[in-house]
């Protein structure tokens, strides 16, 4: 999905694991890559990339999960840990595959993130939720 014309990319990091964009609307967008499994080692790299782009600030995180990407339980634990939540005001995921929905249920029921986390089927609905949080916080 293309960004709205009034939203600019302020910073961007791309590597074999992800594409991360710091957007002018205060959303940090993270796109997974096709056929990548995010184990503990990959999660550490992703978290470090996000920490680097966030530069100590907190953002509303938009994660767009490629249908063929996957995360292990160890990767999920790390992605819900304090260091991974340090840069997040809230996290919202766009997921569509059945395995992703199963992992989302596990994430919410067993890992119990300390900040607001929601899962959606469309990027439009995901962005609406994040922007509603942002507007509420003002």
N, C-alpha and C. Protein backbone atom coordinates (compact mmCIF):
# COMPACT_ATOMS: atom_id res chain seq x y z
N UNK A 1 0.84 -1.18 0.00
CA UNK A 1 0.00 0.00 0.00
C UNK A 1 0.89 1.24 0.00
N UNK A 2 0.56 2.17 -0.85
CA UNK A 2 1.32 3.42 -0.95
C UNK A 2 1.00 4.33 0.24
N UNK A 3 1.99 5.13 0.60
CA UNK A 3 1.77 6.12 1.66
C UNK A 3 0.94 7.29 1.12
N UNK A 4 0.18 7.91 2.01
CA UNK A 4 -0.56 9.11 1.62
C UNK A 4 0.43 10.18 1.19
N UNK A 5 -0.01 11.06 0.32
CA UNK A 5 0.88 12.08 -0.25
C UNK A 5 1.50 12.99 0.80
N UNK A 6 0.79 13.19 1.91
CA UNK A 6 1.30 14.09 2.94
C UNK A 6 2.25 13.41 3.93
N UNK A 7 2.48 12.12 3.77
CA UNK A 7 3.39 11.39 4.67
C UNK A 7 4.73 11.19 3.96
N UNK A 8 5.78 11.58 4.63
CA UNK A 8 7.14 11.46 4.09
C UNK A 8 7.92 10.41 4.88
N UNK A 9 8.90 9.82 4.23
CA UNK A 9 9.82 8.90 4.90
C UNK A 9 11.00 9.73 5.41
N UNK A 10 11.19 9.73 6.74
CA UNK A 10 12.26 10.51 7.34
C UNK A 10 13.57 9.73 7.38
N UNK A 11 13.47 8.43 7.67
CA UNK A 11 14.63 7.53 7.70
C UNK A 11 14.18 6.16 7.24
N UNK A 12 15.13 5.40 6.71
CA UNK A 12 14.78 4.05 6.25
C UNK A 12 15.99 3.14 6.37
N UNK A 13 15.72 1.91 6.82
CA UNK A 13 16.74 0.86 6.89
C UNK A 13 16.16 -0.36 6.19
N UNK A 14 16.91 -0.93 5.26
CA UNK A 14 16.51 -2.17 4.59
C UNK A 14 17.67 -3.14 4.63
N UNK A 15 17.35 -4.38 4.95
CA UNK A 15 18.35 -5.44 4.89
C UNK A 15 17.65 -6.74 4.54
N UNK A 16 18.32 -7.85 4.70
CA UNK A 16 17.75 -9.14 4.30
C UNK A 16 16.58 -9.58 5.18
N UNK A 17 16.42 -8.92 6.33
CA UNK A 17 15.38 -9.30 7.28
C UNK A 17 14.15 -8.41 7.28
N UNK A 18 14.34 -7.15 6.90
CA UNK A 18 13.21 -6.24 7.04
C UNK A 18 13.43 -4.93 6.29
N UNK A 19 12.35 -4.18 6.22
CA UNK A 19 12.39 -2.81 5.73
C UNK A 19 11.72 -1.98 6.82
N UNK A 20 12.44 -1.00 7.36
CA UNK A 20 11.94 -0.17 8.44
C UNK A 20 11.91 1.28 7.96
N UNK A 21 10.75 1.93 8.15
CA UNK A 21 10.59 3.32 7.72
C UNK A 21 10.09 4.15 8.89
N UNK A 22 10.80 5.22 9.17
CA UNK A 22 10.32 6.21 10.12
C UNK A 22 9.54 7.24 9.31
N UNK A 23 8.25 7.34 9.57
CA UNK A 23 7.36 8.17 8.79
C UNK A 23 7.11 9.51 9.48
N UNK A 24 6.79 10.51 8.70
CA UNK A 24 6.55 11.86 9.24
C UNK A 24 5.29 11.95 10.08
N UNK A 25 4.41 10.94 10.04
CA UNK A 25 3.19 10.96 10.85
C UNK A 25 3.40 10.32 12.23
N UNK A 26 4.66 10.04 12.59
CA UNK A 26 4.96 9.48 13.90
C UNK A 26 4.83 7.98 13.99
N UNK A 27 4.65 7.33 12.86
CA UNK A 27 4.56 5.87 12.81
C UNK A 27 5.88 5.31 12.31
N UNK A 28 6.36 4.29 12.99
CA UNK A 28 7.54 3.57 12.54
C UNK A 28 7.01 2.27 11.92
N UNK A 29 7.19 2.14 10.61
CA UNK A 29 6.64 1.01 9.85
C UNK A 29 7.71 -0.04 9.64
N UNK A 30 7.36 -1.27 9.98
CA UNK A 30 8.26 -2.42 9.84
C UNK A 30 7.61 -3.43 8.92
N UNK A 31 8.24 -3.70 7.78
CA UNK A 31 7.75 -4.70 6.85
C UNK A 31 8.64 -5.93 6.93
N UNK A 32 8.01 -7.10 7.14
CA UNK A 32 8.79 -8.34 7.10
C UNK A 32 9.09 -8.69 5.64
N UNK A 33 10.00 -9.60 5.46
CA UNK A 33 10.43 -10.02 4.12
C UNK A 33 9.91 -11.44 3.84
N UNK A 34 9.54 -11.70 2.60
CA UNK A 34 9.05 -13.01 2.21
C UNK A 34 10.01 -14.12 2.62
N UNK A 35 9.44 -15.19 3.12
CA UNK A 35 10.16 -16.43 3.43
C UNK A 35 11.24 -16.30 4.49
N UNK A 36 11.18 -15.28 5.33
CA UNK A 36 12.15 -15.14 6.41
C UNK A 36 11.51 -15.66 7.69
N UNK A 37 12.27 -16.50 8.41
CA UNK A 37 11.85 -16.94 9.73
C UNK A 37 12.62 -16.12 10.75
N UNK A 38 11.88 -15.49 11.64
CA UNK A 38 12.47 -14.62 12.66
C UNK A 38 12.65 -15.41 13.95
N UNK A 39 13.84 -15.99 14.08
CA UNK A 39 14.19 -16.70 15.31
C UNK A 39 14.78 -15.67 16.28
N UNK A 40 15.33 -16.15 17.37
CA UNK A 40 15.93 -15.25 18.36
C UNK A 40 17.03 -14.39 17.74
N UNK A 41 17.91 -14.99 16.94
CA UNK A 41 19.02 -14.23 16.34
C UNK A 41 18.54 -13.14 15.40
N UNK A 42 17.55 -13.45 14.57
CA UNK A 42 17.00 -12.46 13.65
C UNK A 42 16.26 -11.37 14.42
N UNK A 43 15.56 -11.76 15.47
CA UNK A 43 14.83 -10.77 16.29
C UNK A 43 15.80 -9.77 16.92
N UNK A 44 16.96 -10.23 17.36
CA UNK A 44 17.97 -9.32 17.94
C UNK A 44 18.41 -8.29 16.90
N UNK A 45 18.65 -8.73 15.68
CA UNK A 45 19.07 -7.82 14.60
C UNK A 45 17.96 -6.80 14.32
N UNK A 46 16.73 -7.27 14.22
CA UNK A 46 15.60 -6.38 13.94
C UNK A 46 15.44 -5.35 15.06
N UNK A 47 15.50 -5.80 16.30
CA UNK A 47 15.36 -4.88 17.43
C UNK A 47 16.46 -3.83 17.40
N UNK A 48 17.68 -4.25 17.14
CA UNK A 48 18.80 -3.29 17.06
C UNK A 48 18.60 -2.29 15.92
N UNK A 49 18.10 -2.76 14.77
CA UNK A 49 17.81 -1.84 13.66
C UNK A 49 16.77 -0.80 14.06
N UNK A 50 15.72 -1.25 14.75
CA UNK A 50 14.67 -0.32 15.15
C UNK A 50 15.18 0.65 16.20
N UNK A 51 15.96 0.16 17.15
CA UNK A 51 16.55 1.04 18.17
C UNK A 51 17.42 2.10 17.50
N UNK A 52 18.19 1.70 16.49
CA UNK A 52 19.04 2.65 15.77
C UNK A 52 18.23 3.73 15.06
N UNK A 53 17.15 3.34 14.41
CA UNK A 53 16.35 4.32 13.68
C UNK A 53 15.52 5.18 14.63
N UNK A 54 15.11 4.63 15.78
CA UNK A 54 14.30 5.37 16.74
C UNK A 54 15.11 6.39 17.54
N UNK A 55 16.41 6.14 17.68
CA UNK A 55 17.31 7.07 18.38
C UNK A 55 16.80 7.50 19.75
N UNK A 56 16.32 6.52 20.52
CA UNK A 56 15.89 6.81 21.89
C UNK A 56 14.47 7.35 22.01
N UNK A 57 13.80 7.54 20.91
CA UNK A 57 12.42 8.03 20.92
C UNK A 57 11.44 6.86 20.86
N UNK A 58 10.19 7.14 21.20
CA UNK A 58 9.14 6.12 21.11
C UNK A 58 8.19 6.48 19.98
N UNK A 59 7.71 5.44 19.31
CA UNK A 59 6.82 5.63 18.16
C UNK A 59 5.68 4.63 18.20
N UNK A 60 4.66 4.91 17.41
CA UNK A 60 3.60 3.96 17.16
C UNK A 60 4.13 3.01 16.09
N UNK A 61 4.14 1.73 16.39
CA UNK A 61 4.78 0.74 15.52
C UNK A 61 3.71 0.05 14.67
N UNK A 62 3.93 0.05 13.37
CA UNK A 62 3.09 -0.64 12.39
C UNK A 62 3.92 -1.77 11.80
N UNK A 63 3.51 -3.01 12.05
CA UNK A 63 4.21 -4.17 11.51
C UNK A 63 3.34 -4.78 10.42
N UNK A 64 3.90 -4.86 9.22
CA UNK A 64 3.18 -5.48 8.10
C UNK A 64 3.86 -6.81 7.83
N UNK A 65 3.15 -7.88 8.17
CA UNK A 65 3.71 -9.22 8.08
C UNK A 65 3.45 -9.82 6.70
N UNK A 66 4.51 -10.14 6.02
CA UNK A 66 4.42 -10.85 4.75
C UNK A 66 3.85 -12.25 5.05
N UNK A 67 2.90 -12.71 4.23
CA UNK A 67 2.22 -13.98 4.50
C UNK A 67 3.17 -15.16 4.66
N UNK A 68 4.30 -15.13 3.96
CA UNK A 68 5.22 -16.28 4.02
C UNK A 68 6.35 -16.10 5.04
N UNK A 69 6.32 -15.01 5.80
CA UNK A 69 7.30 -14.87 6.88
C UNK A 69 6.76 -15.58 8.12
N UNK A 70 7.65 -15.85 9.06
CA UNK A 70 7.27 -16.60 10.25
C UNK A 70 8.14 -16.15 11.41
N UNK A 71 7.63 -16.31 12.62
CA UNK A 71 8.41 -16.00 13.81
C UNK A 71 8.34 -17.20 14.75
N UNK A 72 9.48 -17.55 15.32
CA UNK A 72 9.51 -18.66 16.28
C UNK A 72 9.02 -18.16 17.64
N UNK A 73 8.75 -19.09 18.54
CA UNK A 73 8.33 -18.71 19.89
C UNK A 73 9.43 -17.89 20.57
N UNK A 74 10.69 -18.29 20.39
CA UNK A 74 11.80 -17.54 20.98
C UNK A 74 11.87 -16.12 20.39
N UNK A 75 11.64 -16.01 19.09
CA UNK A 75 11.61 -14.70 18.44
C UNK A 75 10.48 -13.84 18.98
N UNK A 76 9.31 -14.46 19.18
CA UNK A 76 8.17 -13.72 19.73
C UNK A 76 8.45 -13.24 21.14
N UNK A 77 9.04 -14.11 21.94
CA UNK A 77 9.37 -13.70 23.31
C UNK A 77 10.28 -12.47 23.31
N UNK A 78 11.28 -12.51 22.45
CA UNK A 78 12.21 -11.39 22.38
C UNK A 78 11.51 -10.13 21.87
N UNK A 79 10.64 -10.28 20.88
CA UNK A 79 9.93 -9.12 20.31
C UNK A 79 8.89 -8.53 21.26
N UNK A 80 8.54 -9.27 22.31
CA UNK A 80 7.62 -8.72 23.31
C UNK A 80 8.34 -8.31 24.60
N UNK A 81 9.67 -8.41 24.60
CA UNK A 81 10.46 -8.10 25.78
C UNK A 81 10.59 -6.59 25.99
N UNK A 82 11.08 -6.21 27.15
CA UNK A 82 11.25 -4.79 27.48
C UNK A 82 12.10 -4.03 26.46
N UNK A 83 13.26 -4.58 26.02
CA UNK A 83 14.03 -3.83 25.00
C UNK A 83 13.24 -3.61 23.71
N UNK A 84 12.43 -4.59 23.31
CA UNK A 84 11.66 -4.46 22.07
C UNK A 84 10.46 -3.55 22.24
N UNK A 85 10.04 -3.33 23.46
CA UNK A 85 8.92 -2.42 23.70
C UNK A 85 9.41 -1.03 24.07
N UNK A 86 10.71 -0.85 24.28
CA UNK A 86 11.25 0.44 24.72
C UNK A 86 11.03 1.54 23.69
N UNK A 87 10.94 1.19 22.42
CA UNK A 87 10.77 2.18 21.36
C UNK A 87 9.31 2.30 20.93
N UNK A 88 8.42 1.57 21.60
CA UNK A 88 7.02 1.51 21.16
C UNK A 88 6.09 2.22 22.14
N UNK A 89 5.23 3.06 21.60
CA UNK A 89 4.09 3.58 22.36
C UNK A 89 2.96 2.57 22.29
N UNK A 90 2.84 1.91 21.15
CA UNK A 90 1.89 0.83 20.91
C UNK A 90 2.35 0.12 19.65
N UNK A 91 1.90 -1.13 19.50
CA UNK A 91 2.25 -1.90 18.30
C UNK A 91 0.98 -2.43 17.66
N UNK A 92 0.93 -2.34 16.33
CA UNK A 92 -0.19 -2.88 15.57
C UNK A 92 0.36 -3.69 14.41
N UNK A 93 -0.21 -4.86 14.22
CA UNK A 93 0.25 -5.79 13.19
C UNK A 93 -0.82 -5.98 12.14
N UNK A 94 -0.39 -6.03 10.88
CA UNK A 94 -1.27 -6.42 9.77
C UNK A 94 -0.92 -7.86 9.45
N UNK A 95 -1.88 -8.75 9.70
CA UNK A 95 -1.65 -10.18 9.44
C UNK A 95 -2.83 -10.74 8.66
N UNK A 96 -2.56 -11.75 7.84
CA UNK A 96 -3.64 -12.35 7.06
C UNK A 96 -3.58 -13.87 7.00
N UNK A 97 -2.44 -14.45 7.27
CA UNK A 97 -2.34 -15.91 7.15
C UNK A 97 -2.82 -16.60 8.43
N UNK A 98 -3.25 -17.82 8.28
CA UNK A 98 -3.71 -18.60 9.44
C UNK A 98 -2.58 -18.81 10.45
N UNK A 99 -1.36 -19.16 10.02
CA UNK A 99 -0.28 -19.29 11.01
C UNK A 99 -0.03 -17.99 11.78
N UNK A 100 -0.13 -16.85 11.11
CA UNK A 100 0.06 -15.57 11.81
C UNK A 100 -1.05 -15.34 12.84
N UNK A 101 -2.27 -15.70 12.51
CA UNK A 101 -3.39 -15.53 13.44
C UNK A 101 -3.19 -16.42 14.66
N UNK A 102 -2.69 -17.63 14.46
CA UNK A 102 -2.41 -18.53 15.59
C UNK A 102 -1.31 -17.95 16.47
N UNK A 103 -0.27 -17.41 15.86
CA UNK A 103 0.83 -16.81 16.62
C UNK A 103 0.33 -15.57 17.36
N UNK A 104 -0.56 -14.80 16.76
CA UNK A 104 -1.10 -13.61 17.41
C UNK A 104 -1.87 -13.99 18.67
N UNK A 105 -2.67 -15.05 18.59
CA UNK A 105 -3.40 -15.51 19.77
C UNK A 105 -2.44 -15.94 20.88
N UNK A 106 -1.40 -16.68 20.50
CA UNK A 106 -0.39 -17.10 21.48
C UNK A 106 0.27 -15.87 22.11
N UNK A 107 0.65 -14.93 21.28
CA UNK A 107 1.33 -13.71 21.74
C UNK A 107 0.49 -12.99 22.79
N UNK A 108 -0.78 -12.78 22.51
CA UNK A 108 -1.63 -12.03 23.43
C UNK A 108 -1.96 -12.82 24.69
N UNK A 109 -2.19 -14.12 24.56
CA UNK A 109 -2.61 -14.92 25.71
C UNK A 109 -1.46 -15.28 26.65
N UNK A 110 -0.30 -15.56 26.08
CA UNK A 110 0.79 -16.08 26.92
C UNK A 110 1.93 -15.10 27.16
N UNK A 111 2.19 -14.21 26.24
CA UNK A 111 3.30 -13.28 26.42
C UNK A 111 2.86 -11.98 27.07
N UNK A 112 1.58 -11.67 26.99
CA UNK A 112 0.97 -10.52 27.66
C UNK A 112 1.84 -9.26 27.60
N UNK A 113 1.93 -8.65 26.43
CA UNK A 113 2.76 -7.46 26.28
C UNK A 113 2.34 -6.34 27.24
N UNK A 114 3.31 -5.55 27.68
CA UNK A 114 3.05 -4.49 28.65
C UNK A 114 2.44 -3.23 28.02
N UNK A 115 2.49 -3.13 26.73
CA UNK A 115 1.91 -1.98 26.02
C UNK A 115 0.81 -2.47 25.10
N UNK A 116 0.02 -1.55 24.59
CA UNK A 116 -1.08 -1.91 23.70
C UNK A 116 -0.57 -2.56 22.43
N UNK A 117 -1.12 -3.73 22.13
CA UNK A 117 -0.79 -4.46 20.91
C UNK A 117 -2.09 -4.99 20.34
N UNK A 118 -2.29 -4.74 19.04
CA UNK A 118 -3.48 -5.26 18.36
C UNK A 118 -3.09 -5.82 17.01
N UNK A 119 -3.95 -6.71 16.52
CA UNK A 119 -3.74 -7.37 15.23
C UNK A 119 -4.94 -7.06 14.33
N UNK A 120 -4.63 -6.76 13.08
CA UNK A 120 -5.66 -6.37 12.11
C UNK A 120 -5.44 -7.12 10.80
N UNK A 121 -6.46 -7.07 9.94
CA UNK A 121 -6.36 -7.70 8.62
C UNK A 121 -6.03 -6.69 7.54
N UNK A 122 -6.21 -5.39 7.81
CA UNK A 122 -5.93 -4.40 6.77
C UNK A 122 -5.04 -3.30 7.32
N UNK A 123 -4.21 -2.77 6.45
CA UNK A 123 -3.33 -1.67 6.84
C UNK A 123 -4.13 -0.42 7.15
N UNK A 124 -5.22 -0.20 6.44
CA UNK A 124 -6.06 0.98 6.68
C UNK A 124 -6.59 0.97 8.10
N UNK A 125 -7.15 -0.16 8.54
CA UNK A 125 -7.70 -0.27 9.90
C UNK A 125 -6.59 -0.16 10.94
N UNK A 126 -5.44 -0.72 10.63
CA UNK A 126 -4.30 -0.67 11.55
C UNK A 126 -3.86 0.78 11.75
N UNK A 127 -3.72 1.51 10.67
CA UNK A 127 -3.29 2.91 10.76
C UNK A 127 -4.35 3.76 11.48
N UNK A 128 -5.63 3.48 11.24
CA UNK A 128 -6.69 4.21 11.94
C UNK A 128 -6.55 4.03 13.45
N UNK A 129 -6.31 2.80 13.89
CA UNK A 129 -6.17 2.53 15.31
C UNK A 129 -4.95 3.26 15.89
N UNK A 130 -3.82 3.15 15.21
CA UNK A 130 -2.61 3.82 15.71
C UNK A 130 -2.82 5.34 15.77
N UNK A 131 -3.43 5.90 14.74
CA UNK A 131 -3.66 7.35 14.73
C UNK A 131 -4.67 7.77 15.79
N UNK A 132 -5.64 6.90 16.11
CA UNK A 132 -6.59 7.23 17.18
C UNK A 132 -5.86 7.27 18.52
N UNK A 133 -4.91 6.39 18.73
CA UNK A 133 -4.11 6.42 19.96
C UNK A 133 -3.29 7.69 20.02
N UNK A 134 -2.69 8.03 18.88
CA UNK A 134 -1.86 9.23 18.81
C UNK A 134 -2.70 10.46 19.10
N UNK A 135 -3.88 10.56 18.52
CA UNK A 135 -4.75 11.72 18.74
C UNK A 135 -5.26 11.77 20.18
N UNK A 136 -5.50 10.59 20.77
CA UNK A 136 -5.95 10.52 22.15
C UNK A 136 -4.86 11.01 23.11
N UNK A 137 -3.60 10.72 22.78
CA UNK A 137 -2.48 11.08 23.63
C UNK A 137 -2.17 12.57 23.61
N UNK A 138 -2.64 13.27 22.60
CA UNK A 138 -2.32 14.71 22.46
C UNK A 138 -3.11 15.52 23.46
